[in-house]
N, C-alpha and C. Protein backbone atom coordinates (compact mmCIF):
# COMPACT_ATOMS: atom_id res chain seq x y z
N GLY A 1 61.34 55.25 -10.47
CA GLY A 1 62.56 55.19 -9.76
C GLY A 1 62.42 54.48 -8.44
N ALA A 2 63.11 55.04 -7.48
CA ALA A 2 63.20 54.43 -6.16
C ALA A 2 61.87 54.46 -5.42
N SER A 3 61.11 55.54 -5.57
CA SER A 3 59.83 55.63 -4.86
C SER A 3 58.82 54.61 -5.39
N ALA A 4 58.81 54.37 -6.70
CA ALA A 4 57.92 53.36 -7.28
C ALA A 4 58.31 51.97 -6.79
N ASP A 5 59.61 51.73 -6.67
CA ASP A 5 60.10 50.44 -6.19
C ASP A 5 59.66 50.20 -4.74
N LYS A 6 59.77 51.23 -3.91
CA LYS A 6 59.34 51.11 -2.51
C LYS A 6 57.84 50.87 -2.42
N LEU A 7 57.08 51.55 -3.27
CA LEU A 7 55.62 51.39 -3.27
C LEU A 7 55.24 49.97 -3.64
N LEU A 8 55.86 49.44 -4.70
CA LEU A 8 55.55 48.07 -5.11
C LEU A 8 55.97 47.05 -4.05
N THR A 9 57.07 47.29 -3.37
CA THR A 9 57.50 46.41 -2.28
C THR A 9 56.48 46.43 -1.14
N ALA A 10 55.99 47.61 -0.80
CA ALA A 10 54.98 47.73 0.27
C ALA A 10 53.69 47.02 -0.13
N ILE A 11 53.29 47.17 -1.39
CA ILE A 11 52.05 46.51 -1.86
C ILE A 11 52.21 45.00 -1.81
N SER A 12 53.36 44.49 -2.23
CA SER A 12 53.55 43.03 -2.23
C SER A 12 53.59 42.48 -0.80
N ARG A 13 54.19 43.21 0.13
CA ARG A 13 54.18 42.77 1.53
C ARG A 13 52.77 42.76 2.09
N GLY A 14 52.01 43.80 1.76
CA GLY A 14 50.61 43.85 2.21
C GLY A 14 49.80 42.69 1.65
N GLY A 15 50.06 42.34 0.39
CA GLY A 15 49.37 41.20 -0.22
C GLY A 15 49.72 39.89 0.45
N LEU A 16 50.99 39.73 0.83
CA LEU A 16 51.40 38.51 1.52
C LEU A 16 50.75 38.41 2.89
N VAL A 17 50.65 39.53 3.60
CA VAL A 17 50.01 39.54 4.92
C VAL A 17 48.53 39.18 4.79
N LEU A 18 47.85 39.77 3.81
CA LEU A 18 46.42 39.46 3.61
C LEU A 18 46.23 38.00 3.21
N GLY A 19 47.13 37.49 2.37
CA GLY A 19 47.04 36.08 1.99
C GLY A 19 47.24 35.17 3.18
N GLY A 20 48.18 35.52 4.05
CA GLY A 20 48.41 34.73 5.26
C GLY A 20 47.22 34.76 6.20
N LEU A 21 46.59 35.94 6.33
CA LEU A 21 45.41 36.05 7.18
C LEU A 21 44.22 35.29 6.62
N ALA A 22 44.15 35.15 5.29
CA ALA A 22 43.05 34.42 4.68
C ALA A 22 43.14 32.93 4.96
N VAL A 23 44.34 32.42 5.21
CA VAL A 23 44.53 31.00 5.48
C VAL A 23 44.15 30.66 6.93
N VAL A 24 44.27 31.62 7.84
CA VAL A 24 44.06 31.37 9.27
C VAL A 24 42.67 30.79 9.59
N PRO A 25 41.56 31.36 9.06
CA PRO A 25 40.25 30.80 9.45
C PRO A 25 40.08 29.34 9.05
N SER A 26 40.58 28.93 7.90
CA SER A 26 40.36 27.55 7.46
C SER A 26 41.19 26.56 8.28
N THR A 27 42.31 26.98 8.84
CA THR A 27 43.13 26.05 9.61
C THR A 27 42.87 26.12 11.11
N CYS A 28 42.29 27.22 11.60
CA CYS A 28 42.10 27.39 13.04
C CYS A 28 40.65 27.26 13.49
N LEU A 29 39.73 27.08 12.56
CA LEU A 29 38.32 26.97 12.90
C LEU A 29 37.75 25.67 12.35
N PHE A 30 36.77 25.10 13.08
CA PHE A 30 36.04 23.95 12.54
C PHE A 30 34.57 24.10 12.89
N ASP A 31 33.71 23.58 12.03
CA ASP A 31 32.27 23.68 12.20
C ASP A 31 31.69 22.36 12.66
N VAL A 32 30.74 22.46 13.58
CA VAL A 32 29.95 21.30 14.01
C VAL A 32 28.52 21.58 13.59
N ASP A 33 27.98 20.74 12.74
CA ASP A 33 26.62 20.93 12.22
C ASP A 33 25.58 20.45 13.22
N GLY A 34 24.32 20.78 12.95
CA GLY A 34 23.23 20.31 13.79
C GLY A 34 23.15 18.79 13.76
N GLY A 35 22.86 18.18 14.90
CA GLY A 35 22.81 16.73 14.97
C GLY A 35 24.17 16.09 15.11
N GLN A 36 25.19 16.91 15.37
CA GLN A 36 26.54 16.39 15.55
C GLN A 36 27.15 16.96 16.82
N ARG A 37 28.14 16.26 17.35
CA ARG A 37 28.94 16.75 18.46
C ARG A 37 30.39 16.48 18.12
N ALA A 38 31.30 17.25 18.73
CA ALA A 38 32.72 17.07 18.46
C ALA A 38 33.48 16.87 19.77
N VAL A 39 34.41 15.94 19.75
CA VAL A 39 35.34 15.73 20.84
C VAL A 39 36.72 16.08 20.29
N VAL A 40 37.49 16.86 21.04
CA VAL A 40 38.78 17.32 20.55
C VAL A 40 39.89 16.46 21.15
N LEU A 41 40.74 15.94 20.27
CA LEU A 41 41.92 15.19 20.68
C LEU A 41 43.09 16.15 20.72
N ASN A 42 43.61 16.38 21.93
CA ASN A 42 44.76 17.25 22.10
C ASN A 42 46.01 16.38 22.10
N MET A 43 46.97 16.70 21.23
CA MET A 43 48.16 15.87 21.09
C MET A 43 49.04 15.84 22.35
N MET A 44 48.90 16.85 23.20
CA MET A 44 49.72 16.91 24.42
C MET A 44 49.05 16.22 25.60
N THR A 45 47.75 16.47 25.77
CA THR A 45 47.08 16.00 26.98
C THR A 45 46.07 14.88 26.74
N GLY A 46 45.80 14.52 25.51
CA GLY A 46 44.83 13.46 25.22
C GLY A 46 43.46 14.05 24.91
N VAL A 47 42.42 13.25 25.09
CA VAL A 47 41.06 13.66 24.76
C VAL A 47 40.56 14.65 25.81
N GLU A 48 40.01 15.77 25.35
CA GLU A 48 39.48 16.77 26.27
C GLU A 48 38.11 16.34 26.79
N ASP A 49 37.77 16.77 28.01
CA ASP A 49 36.50 16.40 28.63
C ASP A 49 35.32 17.13 28.00
N LYS A 50 35.55 18.32 27.48
CA LYS A 50 34.46 19.14 26.96
C LYS A 50 33.96 18.62 25.61
N VAL A 51 32.66 18.41 25.50
CA VAL A 51 32.03 18.02 24.24
C VAL A 51 31.50 19.29 23.60
N ARG A 52 31.85 19.53 22.36
CA ARG A 52 31.45 20.76 21.68
C ARG A 52 30.20 20.52 20.86
N GLY A 53 29.21 21.39 21.06
CA GLY A 53 27.96 21.31 20.33
C GLY A 53 28.05 22.01 18.99
N GLU A 54 26.89 22.22 18.36
CA GLU A 54 26.90 22.81 17.03
C GLU A 54 27.39 24.25 17.07
N GLY A 55 28.03 24.65 15.99
CA GLY A 55 28.58 25.99 15.87
C GLY A 55 30.01 25.94 15.35
N THR A 56 30.65 27.09 15.35
CA THR A 56 32.03 27.21 14.90
C THR A 56 32.94 27.28 16.11
N HIS A 57 34.00 26.49 16.11
CA HIS A 57 34.89 26.39 17.26
C HIS A 57 36.33 26.61 16.83
N PHE A 58 37.16 27.05 17.79
CA PHE A 58 38.57 27.32 17.54
C PHE A 58 39.41 26.09 17.82
N LYS A 59 40.45 25.89 17.02
CA LYS A 59 41.41 24.82 17.28
C LYS A 59 42.81 25.31 16.94
N VAL A 60 43.81 24.69 17.56
CA VAL A 60 45.20 24.99 17.24
C VAL A 60 45.64 23.94 16.22
N PRO A 61 46.05 24.36 15.02
CA PRO A 61 46.42 23.36 13.99
C PRO A 61 47.54 22.46 14.47
N TRP A 62 47.50 21.21 14.10
CA TRP A 62 48.47 20.17 14.41
C TRP A 62 48.51 19.79 15.89
N LEU A 63 47.89 20.56 16.75
CA LEU A 63 47.89 20.22 18.18
C LEU A 63 46.52 19.67 18.60
N MET A 64 45.46 20.21 18.01
CA MET A 64 44.10 19.79 18.36
C MET A 64 43.42 19.23 17.12
N GLN A 65 42.91 18.00 17.24
CA GLN A 65 42.21 17.37 16.14
C GLN A 65 40.77 17.09 16.56
N PRO A 66 39.79 17.78 15.95
CA PRO A 66 38.40 17.50 16.31
C PRO A 66 37.91 16.20 15.66
N LYS A 67 37.22 15.40 16.43
CA LYS A 67 36.57 14.18 15.93
C LYS A 67 35.07 14.43 16.01
N ILE A 68 34.39 14.44 14.87
CA ILE A 68 32.98 14.81 14.82
C ILE A 68 32.13 13.54 14.71
N TYR A 69 31.12 13.46 15.57
CA TYR A 69 30.24 12.30 15.62
C TYR A 69 28.80 12.73 15.42
N SER A 70 28.02 11.87 14.76
CA SER A 70 26.60 12.12 14.59
C SER A 70 25.86 11.59 15.83
N ILE A 71 24.93 12.40 16.36
CA ILE A 71 24.18 11.96 17.54
C ILE A 71 22.70 11.77 17.20
N ARG A 72 22.40 11.78 15.91
CA ARG A 72 21.00 11.58 15.49
C ARG A 72 20.58 10.15 15.77
N LEU A 73 19.32 10.01 16.11
CA LEU A 73 18.78 8.67 16.33
C LEU A 73 18.57 8.00 14.99
N ARG A 74 18.94 6.73 14.93
CA ARG A 74 18.74 5.96 13.70
C ARG A 74 17.63 4.94 13.96
N PRO A 75 16.71 4.80 13.00
CA PRO A 75 15.66 3.80 13.21
C PRO A 75 16.25 2.38 13.19
N LYS A 76 15.76 1.56 14.10
CA LYS A 76 16.24 0.17 14.15
C LYS A 76 15.08 -0.75 13.79
N LEU A 77 15.30 -1.58 12.79
CA LEU A 77 14.27 -2.50 12.33
C LEU A 77 14.40 -3.81 13.09
N ILE A 78 13.33 -4.18 13.80
CA ILE A 78 13.35 -5.41 14.58
C ILE A 78 12.43 -6.41 13.91
N GLN A 79 12.99 -7.55 13.52
CA GLN A 79 12.21 -8.60 12.86
C GLN A 79 11.49 -9.44 13.92
N THR A 80 10.16 -9.51 13.79
CA THR A 80 9.39 -10.35 14.71
C THR A 80 8.39 -11.17 13.90
N THR A 81 8.02 -12.28 14.46
CA THR A 81 6.96 -13.08 13.83
C THR A 81 5.74 -12.99 14.72
N THR A 82 4.65 -12.49 14.16
CA THR A 82 3.41 -12.34 14.92
C THR A 82 2.37 -13.27 14.35
N GLY A 83 1.56 -13.83 15.21
CA GLY A 83 0.57 -14.81 14.78
C GLY A 83 -0.71 -14.15 14.56
């Protein structure tokens, strides 16, 4: 009857809330791996001065866009002629 209907409504609302909370980490967090750095582009103020090192960082979706760069040294091959 009515009590079963209320129970199912409460369960479905709880499921929607949990589903919404499950989406938050993937849209509000970004990872910077070892050997990388991130610069955040803020849509309102431009590029932020702070460079973010490795780890997990917070961002506001659609407002902050992280740009991740590799800072690892790359070997450079120099061609020389030796006698």
